[in-house]
C-alpha atoms as a PDB file:
ATOM      1  CA  UNK A   1      47.787 -14.637 145.737  1.00  0.00           C
ATOM      2  CA  UNK A   2      47.668 -17.524 148.163  1.00  0.00           C
ATOM      3  CA  UNK A   3      51.302 -18.347 147.475  1.00  0.00           C
ATOM      4  CA  UNK A   4      52.329 -14.714 147.888  1.00  0.00           C
ATOM      5  CA  UNK A   5      50.403 -14.447 151.157  1.00  0.00           C
ATOM      6  CA  UNK A   6      52.030 -17.569 152.554  1.00  0.00           C
ATOM      7  CA  UNK A   7      55.450 -16.333 151.474  1.00  0.00           C
ATOM      8  CA  UNK A   8      54.885 -12.970 153.175  1.00  0.00           C
ATOM      9  CA  UNK A   9      53.673 -14.713 156.304  1.00  0.00           C
ATOM     10  CA  UNK A  10      56.790 -16.876 156.430  1.00  0.00           C
ATOM     11  CA  UNK A  11      58.987 -13.817 156.005  1.00  0.00           C
ATOM     12  CA  UNK A  12      57.197 -12.063 158.868  1.00  0.00           C
ATOM     13  CA  UNK A  13      57.519 -15.139 161.060  1.00  0.00           C
ATOM     14  CA  UNK A  14      61.209 -15.316 160.217  1.00  0.00           C
ATOM     15  CA  UNK A  15      61.699 -11.677 161.185  1.00  0.00           C
ATOM     16  CA  UNK A  16      59.868 -12.237 164.477  1.00  0.00           C
ATOM     17  CA  UNK A  17      61.967 -15.301 165.279  1.00  0.00           C
ATOM     18  CA  UNK A  18      65.118 -13.324 164.482  1.00  0.00           C
ATOM     19  CA  UNK A  19      64.075 -10.502 166.818  1.00  0.00           C
ATOM     20  CA  UNK A  20      63.294 -12.964 169.610  1.00  0.00           C
ATOM     21  CA  UNK A  21      66.705 -14.594 169.211  1.00  0.00           C
ATOM     22  CA  UNK A  22      68.376 -11.148 169.256  1.00  0.00           C
ATOM     23  CA  UNK A  23      66.459 -10.225 172.405  1.00  0.00           C
ATOM     24  CA  UNK A  24      67.614 -13.398 174.150  1.00  0.00           C
ATOM     25  CA  UNK A  25      71.235 -12.775 173.158  1.00  0.00           C
ATOM     26  CA  UNK A  26      71.140  -9.152 174.334  1.00  0.00           C
ATOM     27  CA  UNK A  27      69.478 -10.181 177.563  1.00  0.00           C
ATOM     28  CA  UNK A  28      72.252 -12.670 178.219  1.00  0.00           C
ATOM     29  CA  UNK A  29      74.796  -9.860 177.982  1.00  0.00           C
ATOM     30  CA  UNK A  30      72.840  -7.221 179.890  1.00  0.00           C
ATOM     31  CA  UNK A  31      71.463  -9.183 182.847  1.00  0.00           C
ATOM     32  CA  UNK A  32      74.820  -9.942 184.583  1.00  0.00           C
ATOM     33  CA  UNK A  33      75.403  -6.186 184.887  1.00  0.00           C
ATOM     34  CA  UNK A  34      72.009  -5.388 186.319  1.00  0.00           C
ATOM     35  CA  UNK A  35      71.435  -5.225 190.060  1.00  0.00           C
ATOM     36  CA  UNK A  36      68.673  -7.622 191.119  1.00  0.00           C
ATOM     37  CA  UNK A  37      65.952  -6.593 193.511  1.00  0.00           C
ATOM     38  CA  UNK A  38      67.345  -7.379 196.932  1.00  0.00           C
ATOM     39  CA  UNK A  39      65.669  -9.545 199.520  1.00  0.00           C
ATOM     40  CA  UNK A  40      67.062 -10.009 203.007  1.00  0.00           C
ATOM     41  CA  UNK A  41      68.072 -13.662 203.222  1.00  0.00           C
ATOM     42  CA  UNK A  42      69.474 -13.734 206.732  1.00  0.00           C
ATOM     43  CA  UNK A  43      73.114 -13.846 205.626  1.00  0.00           C
ATOM     44  CA  UNK A  44      73.637 -10.216 204.699  1.00  0.00           C
ATOM     45  CA  UNK A  45      76.069 -11.203 201.921  1.00  0.00           C
ATOM     46  CA  UNK A  46      75.880 -11.394 198.135  1.00  0.00           C
ATOM     47  CA  UNK A  47      78.417 -12.564 195.542  1.00  0.00           C
ATOM     48  CA  UNK A  48      78.589 -11.522 191.901  1.00  0.00           C
ATOM     49  CA  UNK A  49      80.935 -11.320 188.941  1.00  0.00           C
ATOM     50  CA  UNK A  50      81.058  -9.503 185.598  1.00  0.00           C
ATOM     51  CA  UNK A  51      80.463 -11.182 182.228  1.00  0.00           C
ATOM     52  CA  UNK A  52      84.158 -11.936 181.897  1.00  0.00           C
ATOM     53  CA  UNK A  53      83.994 -13.915 185.173  1.00  0.00           C
ATOM     54  CA  UNK A  54      87.650 -13.040 185.763  1.00  0.00           C
ATOM     55  CA  UNK A  55      86.874 -12.210 189.365  1.00  0.00           C
ATOM     56  CA  UNK A  56      84.141 -12.339 191.976  1.00  0.00           C
ATOM     57  CA  UNK A  57      83.223  -9.883 194.683  1.00  0.00           C
ATOM     58  CA  UNK A  58      81.243 -10.576 197.826  1.00  0.00           C
ATOM     59  CA  UNK A  59      79.673  -7.689 199.725  1.00  0.00           C
ATOM     60  CA  UNK A  60      78.290  -8.091 203.246  1.00  0.00           C
ATOM     61  CA  UNK A  61      76.382  -5.942 205.700  1.00  0.00           C
ATOM     62  CA  UNK A  62      78.176  -6.770 208.962  1.00  0.00           C
ATOM     63  CA  UNK A  63      76.272  -4.559 211.412  1.00  0.00           C
ATOM     64  CA  UNK A  64      73.595  -4.532 212.605  1.00  0.00           C
ATOM     65  CA  UNK A  65      72.345  -8.116 212.430  1.00  0.00           C
ATOM     66  CA  UNK A  66      69.637  -9.111 209.997  1.00  0.00           C
ATOM     67  CA  UNK A  67      66.224  -8.623 211.608  1.00  0.00           C
ATOM     68  CA  UNK A  68      67.502  -6.163 214.230  1.00  0.00           C
ATOM     69  CA  UNK A  69      65.142  -3.667 215.863  1.00  0.00           C
ATOM     70  CA  UNK A  70      66.875  -0.275 215.839  1.00  0.00           C
ATOM     71  CA  UNK A  71      66.219   3.237 217.104  1.00  0.00           C
ATOM     72  CA  UNK A  72      68.083   6.513 217.394  1.00  0.00           C
ATOM     73  CA  UNK A  73      71.491   6.656 215.737  1.00  0.00           C
ATOM     74  CA  UNK A  74      72.586   3.229 214.519  1.00  0.00           C
ATOM     75  CA  UNK A  75      76.072   2.215 213.378  1.00  0.00           C
ATOM     76  CA  UNK A  76      76.068   0.561 209.948  1.00  0.00           C
ATOM     77  CA  UNK A  77      79.067  -1.426 208.716  1.00  0.00           C
ATOM     78  CA  UNK A  78      79.872  -3.359 205.558  1.00  0.00           C
ATOM     79  CA  UNK A  79      82.789  -5.263 204.098  1.00  0.00           C
ATOM     80  CA  UNK A  80      83.797  -6.814 200.795  1.00  0.00           C
ATOM     81  CA  UNK A  81      86.119  -9.560 199.609  1.00  0.00           C
ATOM     82  CA  UNK A  82      87.330 -10.416 196.099  1.00  0.00           C
ATOM     83  CA  UNK A  83      88.823 -13.358 194.251  1.00  0.00           C
ATOM     84  CA  UNK A  84      90.680 -13.363 190.945  1.00  0.00           C
ATOM     85  CA  UNK A  85      92.287 -10.522 189.031  1.00  0.00           C
ATOM     86  CA  UNK A  86      90.057  -7.533 189.772  1.00  0.00           C
ATOM     87  CA  UNK A  87      90.456  -3.785 189.159  1.00  0.00           C
ATOM     88  CA  UNK A  88      89.703  -2.816 192.752  1.00  0.00           C
ATOM     89  CA  UNK A  89      86.667  -1.300 194.454  1.00  0.00           C
ATOM     90  CA  UNK A  90      85.869   2.340 193.800  1.00  0.00           C
ATOM     91  CA  UNK A  91      83.192   2.720 196.485  1.00  0.00           C
ATOM     92  CA  UNK A  92      80.376   1.076 198.407  1.00  0.00           C
ATOM     93  CA  UNK A  93      76.856   2.466 197.957  1.00  0.00           C
ATOM     94  CA  UNK A  94      74.110   1.996 200.542  1.00  0.00           C
ATOM     95  CA  UNK A  95      70.328   2.052 200.174  1.00  0.00           C
ATOM     96  CA  UNK A  96      67.423   1.970 202.632  1.00  0.00           C
ATOM     97  CA  UNK A  97      63.953   0.998 201.489  1.00  0.00           C
ATOM     98  CA  UNK A  98      65.165   1.066 197.886  1.00  0.00           C
ATOM     99  CA  UNK A  99      66.240   4.719 198.158  1.00  0.00           C
ATOM    100  CA  UNK A 100      69.822   5.974 197.953  1.00  0.00           C
ATOM    101  CA  UNK A 101      71.338   6.492 201.400  1.00  0.00           C
ATOM    102  CA  UNK A 102      75.072   7.233 201.331  1.00  0.00           C
ATOM    103  CA  UNK A 103      78.328   6.477 199.483  1.00  0.00           C
ATOM    104  CA  UNK A 104      81.521   5.448 201.269  1.00  0.00           C
ATOM    105  CA  UNK A 105      84.853   5.614 199.467  1.00  0.00           C
ATOM    106  CA  UNK A 106      87.284   3.863 201.759  1.00  0.00           C
ATOM    107  CA  UNK A 107      87.640   1.353 204.559  1.00  0.00           C
ATOM    108  CA  UNK A 108      86.371   1.037 207.198  1.00  0.00           C
ATOM    109  CA  UNK A 109      83.018   1.167 205.455  1.00  0.00           C
ATOM    110  CA  UNK A 110      80.975   2.379 208.390  1.00  0.00           C
ATOM    111  CA  UNK A 111      78.645   5.288 209.060  1.00  0.00           C
ATOM    112  CA  UNK A 112      75.906   6.447 211.407  1.00  0.00           C
ATOM    113  CA  UNK A 113      72.280   6.067 210.375  1.00  0.00           C
ATOM    114  CA  UNK A 114      69.833   8.508 212.029  1.00  0.00           C
ATOM    115  CA  UNK A 115      66.907   6.060 212.019  1.00  0.00           C
ATOM    116  CA  UNK A 116      64.413   8.703 213.205  1.00  0.00           C
ATOM    117  CA  UNK A 117      64.502  10.235 209.715  1.00  0.00           C
ATOM    118  CA  UNK A 118      62.197   7.426 208.528  1.00  0.00           C
ATOM    119  CA  UNK A 119      58.750   6.221 209.490  1.00  0.00           C
ATOM    120  CA  UNK A 120      58.653   3.270 211.876  1.00  0.00           C
ATOM    121  CA  UNK A 121      58.455  -0.158 210.277  1.00  0.00           C
ATOM    122  CA  UNK A 122      60.519  -2.750 208.458  1.00  0.00           C
ATOM    123  CA  UNK A 123      63.029  -1.548 205.882  1.00  0.00           C
ATOM    124  CA  UNK A 124      65.575  -3.338 203.691  1.00  0.00           C
ATOM    125  CA  UNK A 125      69.142  -2.059 204.080  1.00  0.00           C
ATOM    126  CA  UNK A 126      71.309  -2.821 201.034  1.00  0.00           C
ATOM    127  CA  UNK A 127      74.899  -2.329 199.946  1.00  0.00           C
ATOM    128  CA  UNK A 128      76.549  -2.710 196.543  1.00  0.00           C
ATOM    129  CA  UNK A 129      80.114  -2.238 195.343  1.00  0.00           C
ATOM    130  CA  UNK A 130      81.063  -0.221 192.289  1.00  0.00           C
ATOM    131  CA  UNK A 131      84.239  -1.638 190.797  1.00  0.00           C
ATOM    132  CA  UNK A 132      86.833   0.493 189.025  1.00  0.00           C
ATOM    133  CA  UNK A 133      85.989  -1.190 185.708  1.00  0.00           C
ATOM    134  CA  UNK A 134      82.357  -0.055 185.998  1.00  0.00           C
ATOM    135  CA  UNK A 135      80.854  -3.354 187.219  1.00  0.00           C
ATOM    136  CA  UNK A 136      78.274  -3.007 189.996  1.00  0.00           C
ATOM    137  CA  UNK A 137      77.923  -5.981 192.298  1.00  0.00           C
ATOM    138  CA  UNK A 138      74.575  -7.462 193.311  1.00  0.00           C
ATOM    139  CA  UNK A 139      73.222  -5.858 196.477  1.00  0.00           C
ATOM    140  CA  UNK A 140      73.645  -7.585 199.808  1.00  0.00           C
ATOM    141  CA  UNK A 141      70.677  -6.943 202.075  1.00  0.00           C
ATOM    142  CA  UNK A 142      69.390  -7.226 205.618  1.00  0.00           C
ATOM    143  CA  UNK A 143      66.040  -6.416 207.178  1.00  0.00           C
ATOM    144  CA  UNK A 144      65.762  -3.722 209.862  1.00  0.00           C
ATOM    145  CA  UNK A 145      62.783  -2.698 211.974  1.00  0.00           C
ATOM    146  CA  UNK A 146      62.860   1.025 212.787  1.00  0.00           C
ATOM    147  CA  UNK A 147      61.287   1.927 216.118  1.00  0.00           C
ATOM    148  CA  UNK A 148      61.293   5.627 217.026  1.00  0.00           C
ATOM    149  CA  UNK A 149      57.579   6.413 217.471  1.00  0.00           C
ATOM    150  CA  UNK A 150      57.645   8.153 214.084  1.00  0.00           C
ATOM    151  CA  UNK A 151      54.368   7.660 212.209  1.00  0.00           C
ATOM    152  CA  UNK A 152      54.634  10.416 209.589  1.00  0.00           C
ATOM    153  CA  UNK A 153      57.525  11.195 207.225  1.00  0.00           C
ATOM    154  CA  UNK A 154      59.765  13.702 209.074  1.00  0.00           C
ATOM    155  CA  UNK A 155      59.794  17.223 207.669  1.00  0.00           C
ATOM    156  CA  UNK A 156      63.055  19.150 207.395  1.00  0.00           C
ATOM    157  CA  UNK A 157      62.474  22.421 209.244  1.00  0.00           C
ATOM    158  CA  UNK A 158      66.117  23.526 209.231  1.00  0.00           C
ATOM    159  CA  UNK A 159      67.035  26.914 207.803  1.00  0.00           C
ATOM    160  CA  UNK A 160      70.333  28.447 206.792  1.00  0.00           C
ATOM    161  CA  UNK A 161      71.396  32.019 207.550  1.00  0.00           C
ATOM    162  CA  UNK A 162      74.675  33.202 205.985  1.00  0.00           C
ATOM    163  CA  UNK A 163      77.140  34.841 208.320  1.00  0.00           C
ATOM    164  CA  UNK A 164      79.130  37.973 207.577  1.00  0.00           C
ATOM    165  CA  UNK A 165      82.079  36.510 209.459  1.00  0.00           C
ATOM    166  CA  UNK A 166      84.096  37.897 212.319  1.00  0.00           C
ATOM    167  CA  UNK A 167      86.231  41.026 212.560  1.00  0.00           C
ATOM    168  CA  UNK A 168      89.966  40.370 212.964  1.00  0.00           C
ATOM    169  CA  UNK A 169      91.956  42.022 215.733  1.00  0.00           C
ATOM    170  CA  UNK A 170      93.537  45.375 214.963  1.00  0.00           C
ATOM    171  CA  UNK A 171      96.512  44.964 212.662  1.00  0.00           C
ATOM    172  CA  UNK A 172      95.597  41.385 211.767  1.00  0.00           C
ATOM    173  CA  UNK A 173      94.513  40.331 208.249  1.00  0.00           C
ATOM    174  CA  UNK A 174      90.986  39.259 207.378  1.00  0.00           C
ATOM    175  CA  UNK A 175      91.336  35.538 206.673  1.00  0.00           C
ATOM    176  CA  UNK A 176      88.960  34.230 204.017  1.00  0.00           C
ATOM    177  CA  UNK A 177      88.887  30.527 203.113  1.00  0.00           C
ATOM    178  CA  UNK A 178      86.980  29.083 200.149  1.00  0.00           C
ATOM    179  CA  UNK A 179      86.563  25.379 199.433  1.00  0.00           C
ATOM    180  CA  UNK A 180      84.349  23.037 197.473  1.00  0.00           C
ATOM    181  CA  UNK A 181      84.040  19.451 196.267  1.00  0.00           C
ATOM    182  CA  UNK A 182      84.280  18.601 199.898  1.00  0.00           C
ATOM    183  CA  UNK A 183      83.224  16.057 202.458  1.00  0.00           C
ATOM    184  CA  UNK A 184      82.950  12.417 201.396  1.00  0.00           C
ATOM    185  CA  UNK A 185      84.196  10.560 204.445  1.00  0.00           C
ATOM    186  CA  UNK A 186      87.638   9.990 202.925  1.00  0.00           C
ATOM    187  CA  UNK A 187      90.804  10.794 204.863  1.00  0.00           C
ATOM    188  CA  UNK A 188      91.881  13.634 202.548  1.00  0.00           C
ATOM    189  CA  UNK A 189      88.642  15.504 203.231  1.00  0.00           C
ATOM    190  CA  UNK A 190      89.418  15.306 206.931  1.00  0.00           C
ATOM    191  CA  UNK A 191      92.932  16.627 206.365  1.00  0.00           C
ATOM    192  CA  UNK A 192      91.582  19.646 204.479  1.00  0.00           C
ATOM    193  CA  UNK A 193      89.091  20.319 207.255  1.00  0.00           C
ATOM    194  CA  UNK A 194      91.898  20.204 209.839  1.00  0.00           C
ATOM    195  CA  UNK A 195      94.008  22.684 207.852  1.00  0.00           C
ATOM    196  CA  UNK A 196      91.089  25.111 207.492  1.00  0.00           C
ATOM    197  CA  UNK A 197      90.369  24.829 211.209  1.00  0.00           C
ATOM    198  CA  UNK A 198      94.016  25.592 212.052  1.00  0.00           C
ATOM    199  CA  UNK A 199      93.778  28.847 210.086  1.00  0.00           C
ATOM    200  CA  UNK A 200      90.829  29.998 212.206  1.00  0.00           C
ATOM    201  CA  UNK A 201      89.352  31.997 209.304  1.00  0.00           C
ATOM    202  CA  UNK A 202      87.147  35.035 209.756  1.00  0.00           C
ATOM    203  CA  UNK A 203      84.918  33.839 206.936  1.00  0.00           C
ATOM    204  CA  UNK A 204      84.491  30.480 205.227  1.00  0.00           C
ATOM    205  CA  UNK A 205      82.815  29.962 201.852  1.00  0.00           C
ATOM    206  CA  UNK A 206      81.701  26.508 200.801  1.00  0.00           C
ATOM    207  CA  UNK A 207      81.325  26.576 197.021  1.00  0.00           C
ATOM    208  CA  UNK A 208      79.206  23.488 196.472  1.00  0.00           C
ATOM    209  CA  UNK A 209      79.355  19.923 195.204  1.00  0.00           C
ATOM    210  CA  UNK A 210      77.786  18.299 198.254  1.00  0.00           C
ATOM    211  CA  UNK A 211      78.752  14.603 198.344  1.00  0.00           C
ATOM    212  CA  UNK A 212      77.089  12.566 196.999  1.00  0.00           C
ATOM    213  CA  UNK A 213      73.453  13.515 196.657  1.00  0.00           C
ATOM    214  CA  UNK A 214      72.841  15.649 199.738  1.00  0.00           C
ATOM    215  CA  UNK A 215      70.831  13.081 201.712  1.00  0.00           C
ATOM    216  CA  UNK A 216      70.120  13.494 205.410  1.00  0.00           C
ATOM    217  CA  UNK A 217      72.495  10.618 206.166  1.00  0.00           C
ATOM    218  CA  UNK A 218      75.315  12.236 204.179  1.00  0.00           C
ATOM    219  CA  UNK A 219      74.864  15.560 205.951  1.00  0.00           C
ATOM    220  CA  UNK A 220      74.777  13.796 209.312  1.00  0.00           C
ATOM    221  CA  UNK A 221      78.033  11.924 208.660  1.00  0.00           C
ATOM    222  CA  UNK A 222      80.112  14.148 206.387  1.00  0.00           C
ATOM    223  CA  UNK A 223      78.999  17.632 207.465  1.00  0.00           C
ATOM    224  CA  UNK A 224      77.535  17.283 210.958  1.00  0.00           C
END
């Protein structure tokens, strides 16, 4: 029995060692694709590369400066640079205080941040790049101090009332325009908006798919 017990114990230990080795190997493959928790380091830039290491990408928050005290509507800007054979950047994604903020699909990567939508205090602003091969870069980060005399989380009191449209002049057709999958800050969205505006429709129907997640910052920039 003693021999059998020792043999079983060795088998169990062997299984445990095998699982630990497997965990280490898997971790080595997974970790390069994970986005680390960002800390503002004063530079506002971060460089990363996929497992293949065929290319690197550096993302930077270029405005405002790290440690800036901001209020009202603040312009946010970011850039990226790459080295090596890369598939291209699909989009830049921004976060404030660890929460999703807005997605920008094309250069210049800039938008307006209505800072009064958050409680006063220090927040970390981050940006990451999603590459066309699925790799997400590490987040570049800066520290911002919001100062708007806001002490409680703002409450959205807006309401929406559908309109029945306008009546065309006698003998003129009733112009109805329907669109969806709309505003994302890209040039083509602006072109579509200009065409719709030129038609001067009596009624406009927006059929949904609000880019990207319907945050206050997205509405302010893409729909305001």
